[in-house]
C-alpha atoms as a PDB file:
ATOM      1  CA  MET A   1      68.027  48.110-152.216  1.00  0.00           C
ATOM      2  CA  PRO A   2      70.941  48.467-149.684  1.00  0.00           C
ATOM      3  CA  ILE A   3      68.827  48.406-146.501  1.00  0.00           C
ATOM      4  CA  TYR A   4      69.285  45.676-143.876  1.00  0.00           C
ATOM      5  CA  LEU A   5      67.556  44.671-140.644  1.00  0.00           C
ATOM      6  CA  TYR A   6      69.534  42.228-138.480  1.00  0.00           C
ATOM      7  CA  TRP A   7      67.766  40.980-135.367  1.00  0.00           C
ATOM      8  CA  GLY A   8      68.198  38.276-132.749  1.00  0.00           C
ATOM      9  CA  GLU A   9      69.821  37.453-129.417  1.00  0.00           C
ATOM     10  CA  ASP A  10      73.108  36.184-130.860  1.00  0.00           C
ATOM     11  CA  ASP A  11      75.088  39.400-130.406  1.00  0.00           C
ATOM     12  CA  TYR A  12      78.352  37.860-131.581  1.00  0.00           C
ATOM     13  CA  ALA A  13      76.839  36.593-134.834  1.00  0.00           C
ATOM     14  CA  ILE A  14      75.353  40.034-135.498  1.00  0.00           C
ATOM     15  CA  GLN A  15      78.703  41.714-134.827  1.00  0.00           C
ATOM     16  CA  GLU A  16      80.413  39.337-137.250  1.00  0.00           C
ATOM     17  CA  ALA A  17      77.752  39.996-139.919  1.00  0.00           C
ATOM     18  CA  VAL A  18      78.178  43.754-139.483  1.00  0.00           C
ATOM     19  CA  LYS A  19      81.953  43.384-139.748  1.00  0.00           C
ATOM     20  CA  ASN A  20      81.605  41.344-142.944  1.00  0.00           C
ATOM     21  CA  LEU A  21      79.244  43.906-144.455  1.00  0.00           C
ATOM     22  CA  GLN A  22      81.588  46.752-143.575  1.00  0.00           C
ATOM     23  CA  GLU A  23      84.586  44.981-145.127  1.00  0.00           C
ATOM     24  CA  LYS A  24      82.542  44.270-148.236  1.00  0.00           C
ATOM     25  CA  VAL A  25      81.242  47.777-148.962  1.00  0.00           C
ATOM     26  CA  VAL A  26      83.521  50.326-147.244  1.00  0.00           C
ATOM     27  CA  ASP A  27      86.971  51.185-148.592  1.00  0.00           C
ATOM     28  CA  PRO A  28      89.281  50.962-145.522  1.00  0.00           C
ATOM     29  CA  GLN A  29      91.184  54.034-146.746  1.00  0.00           C
ATOM     30  CA  TRP A  30      87.957  56.081-146.478  1.00  0.00           C
ATOM     31  CA  ILE A  31      86.395  54.423-143.445  1.00  0.00           C
ATOM     32  CA  GLN A  32      86.487  57.572-141.306  1.00  0.00           C
ATOM     33  CA  PHE A  33      84.308  59.331-143.852  1.00  0.00           C
ATOM     34  CA  ASN A  34      82.019  56.532-144.999  1.00  0.00           C
ATOM     35  CA  TYR A  35      81.264  54.439-141.907  1.00  0.00           C
ATOM     36  CA  TYR A  36      79.032  55.644-139.086  1.00  0.00           C
ATOM     37  CA  LYS A  37      77.606  53.816-136.093  1.00  0.00           C
ATOM     38  CA  ILE A  38      74.693  55.530-134.372  1.00  0.00           C
ATOM     39  CA  THR A  39      73.274  54.082-131.152  1.00  0.00           C
ATOM     40  CA  GLY A  40      70.024  54.980-129.467  1.00  0.00           C
ATOM     41  CA  ASN A  41      66.270  55.054-129.770  1.00  0.00           C
ATOM     42  CA  SER A  42      65.748  58.784-129.893  1.00  0.00           C
ATOM     43  CA  SER A  43      64.149  60.456-132.899  1.00  0.00           C
ATOM     44  CA  ASP A  44      67.392  62.356-133.462  1.00  0.00           C
ATOM     45  CA  SER A  45      69.325  59.085-133.782  1.00  0.00           C
ATOM     46  CA  VAL A  46      66.951  57.798-136.446  1.00  0.00           C
ATOM     47  CA  ILE A  47      66.980  61.089-138.362  1.00  0.00           C
ATOM     48  CA  ASN A  48      70.788  61.239-138.202  1.00  0.00           C
ATOM     49  CA  ALA A  49      70.997  57.706-139.577  1.00  0.00           C
ATOM     50  CA  LEU A  50      68.614  58.501-142.451  1.00  0.00           C
ATOM     51  CA  ASN A  51      70.496  61.714-143.261  1.00  0.00           C
ATOM     52  CA  GLY A  52      73.792  59.827-143.157  1.00  0.00           C
ATOM     53  CA  ALA A  53      72.479  57.219-145.588  1.00  0.00           C
ATOM     54  CA  MET A  54      71.400  59.974-147.992  1.00  0.00           C
ATOM     55  CA  THR A  55      74.812  61.678-147.890  1.00  0.00           C
ATOM     56  CA  PRO A  56      76.993  61.081-150.984  1.00  0.00           C
ATOM     57  CA  VAL A  57      80.044  58.840-150.622  1.00  0.00           C
ATOM     58  CA  PHE A  58      83.430  60.468-150.017  1.00  0.00           C
ATOM     59  CA  GLY A  59      86.303  59.116-152.073  1.00  0.00           C
ATOM     60  CA  THR A  60      86.091  55.503-153.220  1.00  0.00           C
ATOM     61  CA  GLY A  61      84.017  52.589-152.054  1.00  0.00           C
ATOM     62  CA  GLU A  62      80.538  52.887-150.580  1.00  0.00           C
ATOM     63  CA  ARG A  63      78.939  54.211-147.389  1.00  0.00           C
ATOM     64  CA  LEU A  64      77.615  52.202-144.404  1.00  0.00           C
ATOM     65  CA  VAL A  65      75.429  53.753-141.700  1.00  0.00           C
ATOM     66  CA  TRP A  66      74.644  51.442-138.781  1.00  0.00           C
ATOM     67  CA  LEU A  67      71.702  52.265-136.490  1.00  0.00           C
ATOM     68  CA  ALA A  68      72.354  49.947-133.534  1.00  0.00           C
ATOM     69  CA  ASP A  69      69.928  48.824-130.816  1.00  0.00           C
ATOM     70  CA  THR A  70      66.973  50.405-132.532  1.00  0.00           C
ATOM     71  CA  SER A  71      63.365  49.938-131.412  1.00  0.00           C
ATOM     72  CA  LEU A  72      61.786  51.055-134.694  1.00  0.00           C
ATOM     73  CA  CYS A  73      60.335  47.578-135.168  1.00  0.00           C
ATOM     74  CA  GLN A  74      58.769  47.575-131.713  1.00  0.00           C
ATOM     75  CA  GLN A  75      57.374  51.097-131.721  1.00  0.00           C
ATOM     76  CA  CYS A  76      57.493  53.873-134.294  1.00  0.00           C
ATOM     77  CA  PRO A  77      55.900  57.316-133.841  1.00  0.00           C
ATOM     78  CA  ASP A  78      53.984  58.716-136.812  1.00  0.00           C
ATOM     79  CA  ASP A  79      56.550  61.429-137.504  1.00  0.00           C
ATOM     80  CA  LEU A  80      59.385  58.885-137.774  1.00  0.00           C
ATOM     81  CA  LEU A  81      57.248  56.592-139.909  1.00  0.00           C
ATOM     82  CA  LYS A  82      56.700  59.438-142.355  1.00  0.00           C
ATOM     83  CA  GLU A  83      60.456  60.054-142.504  1.00  0.00           C
ATOM     84  CA  LEU A  84      61.063  56.380-143.187  1.00  0.00           C
ATOM     85  CA  GLN A  85      58.403  56.326-145.908  1.00  0.00           C
ATOM     86  CA  ARG A  86      59.940  59.391-147.519  1.00  0.00           C
ATOM     87  CA  THR A  87      63.595  58.393-147.254  1.00  0.00           C
ATOM     88  CA  LEU A  88      63.943  54.607-147.647  1.00  0.00           C
ATOM     89  CA  PRO A  89      62.857  54.431-151.314  1.00  0.00           C
ATOM     90  CA  ASP A  90      65.376  57.148-152.236  1.00  0.00           C
ATOM     91  CA  ILE A  91      68.529  55.880-150.507  1.00  0.00           C
ATOM     92  CA  PRO A  92      71.233  55.831-153.217  1.00  0.00           C
ATOM     93  CA  PRO A  93      72.659  52.452-154.277  1.00  0.00           C
ATOM     94  CA  THR A  94      76.107  53.412-152.972  1.00  0.00           C
ATOM     95  CA  SER A  95      74.787  53.867-149.417  1.00  0.00           C
ATOM     96  CA  HIS A  96      73.912  51.025-147.042  1.00  0.00           C
ATOM     97  CA  LEU A  97      71.589  51.530-144.069  1.00  0.00           C
ATOM     98  CA  LEU A  98      71.825  48.808-141.419  1.00  0.00           C
ATOM     99  CA  LEU A  99      69.478  48.497-138.436  1.00  0.00           C
ATOM    100  CA  THR A 100      70.097  46.006-135.612  1.00  0.00           C
ATOM    101  CA  THR A 101      68.045  44.933-132.602  1.00  0.00           C
ATOM    102  CA  ASN A 102      68.023  41.945-130.271  1.00  0.00           C
ATOM    103  CA  LYS A 103      64.214  41.951-130.173  1.00  0.00           C
ATOM    104  CA  LYS A 104      61.951  40.220-132.657  1.00  0.00           C
ATOM    105  CA  PRO A 105      60.340  42.746-135.039  1.00  0.00           C
ATOM    106  CA  ASP A 106      56.609  43.276-134.586  1.00  0.00           C
ATOM    107  CA  SER A 107      55.238  42.216-137.972  1.00  0.00           C
ATOM    108  CA  ARG A 108      52.061  44.207-137.380  1.00  0.00           C
ATOM    109  CA  LEU A 109      53.843  47.571-137.346  1.00  0.00           C
ATOM    110  CA  LYS A 110      53.949  49.676-140.495  1.00  0.00           C
ATOM    111  CA  SER A 111      57.628  50.413-139.876  1.00  0.00           C
ATOM    112  CA  THR A 112      58.439  46.684-139.875  1.00  0.00           C
ATOM    113  CA  LYS A 113      56.436  46.098-143.062  1.00  0.00           C
ATOM    114  CA  LEU A 114      58.209  49.046-144.675  1.00  0.00           C
ATOM    115  CA  LEU A 115      61.652  47.623-143.849  1.00  0.00           C
ATOM    116  CA  GLN A 116      60.591  44.192-145.101  1.00  0.00           C
ATOM    117  CA  THR A 117      59.468  45.775-148.376  1.00  0.00           C
ATOM    118  CA  HIS A 118      62.573  47.855-149.005  1.00  0.00           C
ATOM    119  CA  GLY A 119      65.274  45.851-147.248  1.00  0.00           C
ATOM    120  CA  GLN A 120      66.738  42.487-146.315  1.00  0.00           C
ATOM    121  CA  VAL A 121      65.673  41.058-142.956  1.00  0.00           C
ATOM    122  CA  LYS A 122      67.888  38.422-141.337  1.00  0.00           C
ATOM    123  CA  GLU A 123      67.488  36.633-138.018  1.00  0.00           C
ATOM    124  CA  PHE A 124      70.463  35.913-135.730  1.00  0.00           C
ATOM    125  CA  SER A 125      68.993  33.788-132.950  1.00  0.00           C
ATOM    126  CA  PRO A 126      70.912  30.941-131.307  1.00  0.00           C
ATOM    127  CA  ILE A 127      69.866  27.437-132.265  1.00  0.00           C
ATOM    128  CA  PRO A 128      68.224  25.815-129.201  1.00  0.00           C
ATOM    129  CA  PRO A 129      71.094  23.989-127.444  1.00  0.00           C
ATOM    130  CA  TRP A 130      69.259  20.650-127.335  1.00  0.00           C
ATOM    131  CA  LYS A 131      68.922  20.574-131.155  1.00  0.00           C
ATOM    132  CA  ILE A 132      72.337  19.018-131.635  1.00  0.00           C
ATOM    133  CA  ASP A 133      71.647  17.899-135.201  1.00  0.00           C
ATOM    134  CA  GLU A 134      70.817  21.462-136.281  1.00  0.00           C
ATOM    135  CA  ILE A 135      73.908  22.782-134.492  1.00  0.00           C
ATOM    136  CA  ALA A 136      76.000  20.102-136.222  1.00  0.00           C
ATOM    137  CA  HIS A 137      74.576  21.089-139.619  1.00  0.00           C
ATOM    138  CA  HIS A 138      75.419  24.749-138.889  1.00  0.00           C
ATOM    139  CA  ILE A 139      78.957  23.803-137.834  1.00  0.00           C
ATOM    140  CA  GLY A 140      79.430  21.820-141.031  1.00  0.00           C
ATOM    141  CA  ASN A 141      78.390  24.822-143.125  1.00  0.00           C
ATOM    142  CA  LEU A 142      80.724  27.184-141.260  1.00  0.00           C
ATOM    143  CA  ALA A 143      83.621  24.749-141.567  1.00  0.00           C
ATOM    144  CA  ARG A 144      83.124  24.475-145.327  1.00  0.00           C
ATOM    145  CA  GLU A 145      83.003  28.275-145.624  1.00  0.00           C
ATOM    146  CA  ARG A 146      86.410  28.400-143.910  1.00  0.00           C
ATOM    147  CA  GLY A 147      87.849  25.631-146.076  1.00  0.00           C
ATOM    148  CA  LEU A 148      88.096  23.307-143.080  1.00  0.00           C
ATOM    149  CA  LYS A 149      87.564  19.555-143.510  1.00  0.00           C
ATOM    150  CA  LEU A 150      85.818  17.845-140.586  1.00  0.00           C
ATOM    151  CA  THR A 151      84.664  14.249-140.350  1.00  0.00           C
ATOM    152  CA  SER A 152      81.041  13.702-139.325  1.00  0.00           C
ATOM    153  CA  SER A 153      82.159  12.430-135.900  1.00  0.00           C
ATOM    154  CA  ALA A 154      84.331  15.544-135.444  1.00  0.00           C
ATOM    155  CA  ILE A 155      81.343  17.772-136.225  1.00  0.00           C
ATOM    156  CA  GLU A 156      79.214  15.839-133.740  1.00  0.00           C
ATOM    157  CA  GLU A 157      81.878  16.143-131.039  1.00  0.00           C
ATOM    158  CA  LEU A 158      82.250  19.861-131.696  1.00  0.00           C
ATOM    159  CA  ALA A 159      78.476  20.319-131.481  1.00  0.00           C
ATOM    160  CA  GLN A 160      78.427  18.505-128.144  1.00  0.00           C
ATOM    161  CA  SER A 161      81.397  20.491-126.804  1.00  0.00           C
ATOM    162  CA  VAL A 162      80.542  24.011-127.950  1.00  0.00           C
ATOM    163  CA  GLY A 163      76.756  23.895-128.312  1.00  0.00           C
ATOM    164  CA  ASN A 164      75.154  27.061-129.655  1.00  0.00           C
ATOM    165  CA  ASN A 165      77.863  29.438-128.405  1.00  0.00           C
ATOM    166  CA  SER A 166      78.749  31.195-131.674  1.00  0.00           C
ATOM    167  CA  ARG A 167      81.668  33.124-130.179  1.00  0.00           C
ATOM    168  CA  GLN A 168      83.335  29.965-128.848  1.00  0.00           C
ATOM    169  CA  LEU A 169      82.554  28.092-132.061  1.00  0.00           C
ATOM    170  CA  SER A 170      84.313  30.739-134.134  1.00  0.00           C
ATOM    171  CA  ALA A 171      87.363  30.578-131.864  1.00  0.00           C
ATOM    172  CA  GLU A 172      87.472  26.777-131.955  1.00  0.00           C
ATOM    173  CA  LEU A 173      87.156  26.642-135.758  1.00  0.00           C
ATOM    174  CA  THR A 174      90.028  29.131-136.034  1.00  0.00           C
ATOM    175  CA  LYS A 175      92.116  26.922-133.740  1.00  0.00           C
ATOM    176  CA  LEU A 176      91.272  23.789-135.730  1.00  0.00           C
ATOM    177  CA  LYS A 177      92.106  25.510-139.026  1.00  0.00           C
ATOM    178  CA  LEU A 178      95.541  26.457-137.690  1.00  0.00           C
ATOM    179  CA  TYR A 179      96.040  22.867-136.574  1.00  0.00           C
ATOM    180  CA  ALA A 180      95.009  21.558-140.005  1.00  0.00           C
ATOM    181  CA  GLY A 181      97.783  23.678-141.511  1.00  0.00           C
ATOM    182  CA  GLU A 182      98.630  24.241-145.126  1.00  0.00           C
ATOM    183  CA  GLY A 183      98.211  20.550-145.896  1.00  0.00           C
ATOM    184  CA  LYS A 184      94.517  20.925-145.032  1.00  0.00           C
ATOM    185  CA  LYS A 185      94.472  17.848-142.819  1.00  0.00           C
ATOM    186  CA  THR A 186      91.000  16.408-142.232  1.00  0.00           C
ATOM    187  CA  ILE A 187      90.039  16.941-138.589  1.00  0.00           C
ATOM    188  CA  ASP A 188      88.648  13.871-136.821  1.00  0.00           C
ATOM    189  CA  LYS A 189      86.927  13.325-133.486  1.00  0.00           C
ATOM    190  CA  ASN A 190      90.191  12.704-131.601  1.00  0.00           C
ATOM    191  CA  ASP A 191      91.566  16.042-132.839  1.00  0.00           C
ATOM    192  CA  VAL A 192      88.490  17.850-131.532  1.00  0.00           C
ATOM    193  CA  MET A 193      88.642  16.058-128.176  1.00  0.00           C
ATOM    194  CA  GLY A 194      92.293  17.002-127.800  1.00  0.00           C
ATOM    195  CA  LEU A 195      92.057  20.622-128.944  1.00  0.00           C
ATOM    196  CA  VAL A 196      88.602  21.897-127.986  1.00  0.00           C
ATOM    197  CA  GLY A 197      88.086  22.982-124.413  1.00  0.00           C
ATOM    198  CA  GLY A 198      85.036  21.986-122.441  1.00  0.00           C
ATOM    199  CA  SER A 199      84.392  18.583-124.029  1.00  0.00           C
ATOM    200  CA  SER A 200      81.700  16.705-122.077  1.00  0.00           C
ATOM    201  CA  GLN A 201      81.073  19.792-119.933  1.00  0.00           C
ATOM    202  CA  SER A 202      77.859  20.799-121.688  1.00  0.00           C
ATOM    203  CA  SER A 203      74.323  21.146-120.378  1.00  0.00           C
ATOM    204  CA  LEU A 204      73.367  18.215-122.599  1.00  0.00           C
ATOM    205  CA  GLU A 205      75.916  16.063-120.794  1.00  0.00           C
ATOM    206  CA  LEU A 206      74.284  17.188-117.546  1.00  0.00           C
ATOM    207  CA  ALA A 207      70.895  15.978-118.809  1.00  0.00           C
ATOM    208  CA  LYS A 208      72.343  12.560-119.703  1.00  0.00           C
ATOM    209  CA  THR A 209      74.062  12.361-116.309  1.00  0.00           C
ATOM    210  CA  ILE A 210      70.756  13.064-114.540  1.00  0.00           C
ATOM    211  CA  LEU A 211      69.047  10.372-116.596  1.00  0.00           C
ATOM    212  CA  LYS A 212      71.711   7.869-115.517  1.00  0.00           C
ATOM    213  CA  ASN A 213      71.234   8.879-111.840  1.00  0.00           C
ATOM    214  CA  GLU A 214      74.922   9.806-111.549  1.00  0.00           C
ATOM    215  CA  THR A 215      74.272  12.306-108.775  1.00  0.00           C
ATOM    216  CA  GLY A 216      77.858  13.128-107.843  1.00  0.00           C
ATOM    217  CA  LYS A 217      78.904  13.740-111.441  1.00  0.00           C
ATOM    218  CA  ALA A 218      75.772  15.823-112.073  1.00  0.00           C
ATOM    219  CA  VAL A 219      76.462  18.085-109.082  1.00  0.00           C
ATOM    220  CA  GLU A 220      80.072  18.499-110.245  1.00  0.00           C
ATOM    221  CA  LEU A 221      78.913  19.351-113.781  1.00  0.00           C
ATOM    222  CA  VAL A 222      76.668  22.120-112.445  1.00  0.00           C
ATOM    223  CA  GLY A 223      79.666  23.727-110.756  1.00  0.00           C
ATOM    224  CA  ASP A 224      81.780  23.370-113.905  1.00  0.00           C
ATOM    225  CA  LEU A 225      79.112  24.941-116.118  1.00  0.00           C
ATOM    226  CA  LEU A 226      78.608  27.931-113.824  1.00  0.00           C
ATOM    227  CA  ALA A 227      82.388  28.353-113.487  1.00  0.00           C
ATOM    228  CA  ARG A 228      82.503  28.651-117.306  1.00  0.00           C
ATOM    229  CA  ASN A 229      79.929  31.486-117.053  1.00  0.00           C
ATOM    230  CA  GLU A 230      77.102  29.393-118.515  1.00  0.00           C
ATOM    231  CA  PRO A 231      73.878  31.280-117.557  1.00  0.00           C
ATOM    232  CA  ALA A 232      71.797  29.298-115.069  1.00  0.00           C
ATOM    233  CA  LEU A 233      68.590  29.857-117.028  1.00  0.00           C
ATOM    234  CA  SER A 234      70.316  28.664-120.191  1.00  0.00           C
ATOM    235  CA  ILE A 235      71.207  25.413-118.402  1.00  0.00           C
ATOM    236  CA  VAL A 236      67.572  24.988-117.372  1.00  0.00           C
ATOM    237  CA  ALA A 237      66.368  25.681-120.921  1.00  0.00           C
ATOM    238  CA  THR A 238      68.683  22.985-122.279  1.00  0.00           C
ATOM    239  CA  LEU A 239      67.573  20.463-119.643  1.00  0.00           C
ATOM    240  CA  THR A 240      63.918  21.221-120.357  1.00  0.00           C
ATOM    241  CA  GLY A 241      64.396  20.911-124.105  1.00  0.00           C
ATOM    242  CA  GLN A 242      66.270  17.613-123.822  1.00  0.00           C
ATOM    243  CA  PHE A 243      63.726  16.056-121.452  1.00  0.00           C
ATOM    244  CA  ARG A 244      60.961  17.262-123.764  1.00  0.00           C
ATOM    245  CA  THR A 245      62.590  15.451-126.701  1.00  0.00           C
ATOM    246  CA  TRP A 246      63.057  12.280-124.657  1.00  0.00           C
ATOM    247  CA  ALA A 247      59.469  12.357-123.344  1.00  0.00           C
ATOM    248  CA  ILE A 248      57.878  12.914-126.755  1.00  0.00           C
ATOM    249  CA  VAL A 249      59.853  10.071-128.334  1.00  0.00           C
ATOM    250  CA  LYS A 250      59.125   7.688-125.442  1.00  0.00           C
ATOM    251  CA  LEU A 251      55.388   8.423-125.427  1.00  0.00           C
ATOM    252  CA  HIS A 252      55.197   7.781-129.163  1.00  0.00           C
ATOM    253  CA  LEU A 253      57.033   4.475-128.732  1.00  0.00           C
ATOM    254  CA  GLU A 254      54.791   3.434-125.841  1.00  0.00           C
ATOM    255  CA  ASN A 255      51.764   4.184-128.009  1.00  0.00           C
ATOM    256  CA  GLY A 256      53.092   1.805-130.643  1.00  0.00           C
ATOM    257  CA  GLU A 257      54.155   4.394-133.212  1.00  0.00           C
ATOM    258  CA  LYS A 258      56.623   2.906-135.706  1.00  0.00           C
ATOM    259  CA  ASP A 259      56.971   5.743-138.217  1.00  0.00           C
ATOM    260  CA  ASP A 260      60.355   7.307-137.409  1.00  0.00           C
ATOM    261  CA  LYS A 261      59.710  10.321-139.611  1.00  0.00           C
ATOM    262  CA  LEU A 262      56.482  11.126-137.766  1.00  0.00           C
ATOM    263  CA  ILE A 263      58.219  10.777-134.387  1.00  0.00           C
ATOM    264  CA  ALA A 264      61.099  12.987-135.549  1.00  0.00           C
ATOM    265  CA  VAL A 265      58.732  15.726-136.729  1.00  0.00           C
ATOM    266  CA  SER A 266      56.765  15.597-133.476  1.00  0.00           C
ATOM    267  CA  ALA A 267      59.937  15.828-131.368  1.00  0.00           C
ATOM    268  CA  GLU A 268      61.471  18.506-133.668  1.00  0.00           C
ATOM    269  CA  ILE A 269      64.419  16.258-134.547  1.00  0.00           C
ATOM    270  CA  ALA A 270      65.895  17.341-137.880  1.00  0.00           C
ATOM    271  CA  ASN A 271      67.999  14.208-138.441  1.00  0.00           C
ATOM    272  CA  VAL A 272      65.779  11.139-138.209  1.00  0.00           C
ATOM    273  CA  ASN A 273      68.877   8.921-137.769  1.00  0.00           C
ATOM    274  CA  ARG A 274      69.359  10.449-134.323  1.00  0.00           C
ATOM    275  CA  LEU A 275      66.308   8.502-133.124  1.00  0.00           C
ATOM    276  CA  TYR A 276      68.445   5.363-132.958  1.00  0.00           C
ATOM    277  CA  PHE A 277      70.633   6.910-130.240  1.00  0.00           C
ATOM    278  CA  ILE A 278      67.694   8.506-128.395  1.00  0.00           C
ATOM    279  CA  ARG A 279      65.964   5.113-128.192  1.00  0.00           C
ATOM    280  CA  LYS A 280      69.069   3.669-126.547  1.00  0.00           C
ATOM    281  CA  GLU A 281      69.245   6.584-124.075  1.00  0.00           C
ATOM    282  CA  ILE A 282      65.655   6.204-122.891  1.00  0.00           C
ATOM    283  CA  GLN A 283      65.014   2.474-123.271  1.00  0.00           C
ATOM    284  CA  ALA A 284      65.262   1.850-119.508  1.00  0.00           C
ATOM    285  CA  TYR A 285      62.774   4.586-118.572  1.00  0.00           C
ATOM    286  CA  SER A 286      59.029   5.063-118.894  1.00  0.00           C
ATOM    287  CA  GLY A 287      57.229   8.049-120.344  1.00  0.00           C
ATOM    288  CA  LYS A 288      55.774   8.687-116.871  1.00  0.00           C
ATOM    289  CA  GLN A 289      59.278   8.905-115.388  1.00  0.00           C
ATOM    290  CA  LEU A 290      60.432  11.355-118.049  1.00  0.00           C
ATOM    291  CA  LEU A 291      57.344  13.522-117.618  1.00  0.00           C
ATOM    292  CA  SER A 292      57.907  13.663-113.848  1.00  0.00           C
ATOM    293  CA  ALA A 293      60.999  15.835-114.465  1.00  0.00           C
ATOM    294  CA  PHE A 294      58.988  18.810-115.723  1.00  0.00           C
ATOM    295  CA  PRO A 295      57.442  20.001-112.411  1.00  0.00           C
ATOM    296  CA  LEU A 296      60.934  20.107-110.889  1.00  0.00           C
ATOM    297  CA  LEU A 297      62.354  21.920-113.926  1.00  0.00           C
ATOM    298  CA  LEU A 298      59.529  24.466-113.728  1.00  0.00           C
ATOM    299  CA  GLU A 299      60.193  25.020-110.007  1.00  0.00           C
ATOM    300  CA  LEU A 300      63.885  25.464-110.806  1.00  0.00           C
ATOM    301  CA  GLU A 301      63.192  28.048-113.509  1.00  0.00           C
ATOM    302  CA  GLN A 302      60.816  30.016-111.279  1.00  0.00           C
ATOM    303  CA  SER A 303      63.284  30.020-108.373  1.00  0.00           C
ATOM    304  CA  LEU A 304      66.099  31.358-110.552  1.00  0.00           C
ATOM    305  CA  LYS A 305      63.873  34.057-112.044  1.00  0.00           C
ATOM    306  CA  ARG A 306      62.980  35.163-108.516  1.00  0.00           C
ATOM    307  CA  GLY A 307      66.644  35.668-107.693  1.00  0.00           C
ATOM    308  CA  ALA A 308      67.646  32.420-105.991  1.00  0.00           C
ATOM    309  CA  GLU A 309      71.370  31.708-105.698  1.00  0.00           C
ATOM    310  CA  PRO A 310      72.214  29.761-108.883  1.00  0.00           C
ATOM    311  CA  LEU A 311      74.769  27.208-107.645  1.00  0.00           C
ATOM    312  CA  ALA A 312      72.903  25.943-104.590  1.00  0.00           C
ATOM    313  CA  THR A 313      69.518  26.054-106.333  1.00  0.00           C
ATOM    314  CA  LEU A 314      70.710  24.160-109.407  1.00  0.00           C
ATOM    315  CA  GLN A 315      72.579  21.536-107.400  1.00  0.00           C
ATOM    316  CA  THR A 316      69.602  20.911-105.105  1.00  0.00           C
ATOM    317  CA  LYS A 317      67.173  20.450-108.005  1.00  0.00           C
ATOM    318  CA  VAL A 318      69.656  18.318-109.934  1.00  0.00           C
ATOM    319  CA  ILE A 319      69.875  15.947-106.974  1.00  0.00           C
ATOM    320  CA  GLN A 320      66.062  15.755-106.860  1.00  0.00           C
ATOM    321  CA  LEU A 321      65.965  15.095-110.612  1.00  0.00           C
ATOM    322  CA  CYS A 322      68.518  12.298-110.309  1.00  0.00           C
ATOM    323  CA  CYS A 323      66.329  10.647-107.664  1.00  0.00           C
ATOM    324  CA  LEU A 324      63.530  10.318-110.224  1.00  0.00           C
ATOM    325  CA  PHE A 325      65.636   7.895-112.261  1.00  0.00           C
END
């Protein structure tokens, strides 16, 4: 049945998915008649979207009605639930009803269960920035979809440079595809380093710099990240996630664990081969040292949430973190 629920915090990925759906089902010659975007949480907005989905198609192609920023999966009055129950099963196959929200649907609500029954639910949440192997896997899939050949080292470099920023990733893949040209040159690590902006300026690089006690470089990286409009809380989340991975792996090793697969599962590392590099990163540090970072990271997060000035607060805590190592 042509009903869709897209949710998640990755606004750019949702916009791209909506664009792809529109291009797939709506005839561009009839777009003014067969494509509607309705924004809002009022009952009238929901009713207008349902009525639009029930309206016959004009001309050729199919109809798409997009109800954006809806809260139907967080709260749904009884009268709207009844309308949904009455209308969703009868939406014609030539009409497509799309609902989007950045909030996770409440699976306990009848409205959510109804949409799950009659429609397709898809999540668009960013991959946690410290899960480089998952980001690399995602980049590899996107590159293949675009007919772009990347070496494994190029994918790794791109993951390190761009992280989970889907908007920047799309732009960089477009740039690399143009560079590859008609001959479909295979892109290697050196190509990525030369063409992709922001290499080594990621929050993950900041974590590694802290671990190496490179205080000056760490302070400079904080300024660079904020200058590139990286949210301060996002930087903290990446630092926390990376130190969590390091601490879990180190504690397992100190306890004598030798099963790499078990360690990888515990640390939420998708690619067990990455453990080889993590071991090298943390071999000079104890589990106690790595754990000592968390009180400072928690203080940093709380300060930023209370409105502290990001640059000075981050740089001060980064200096304190460097002193631990």
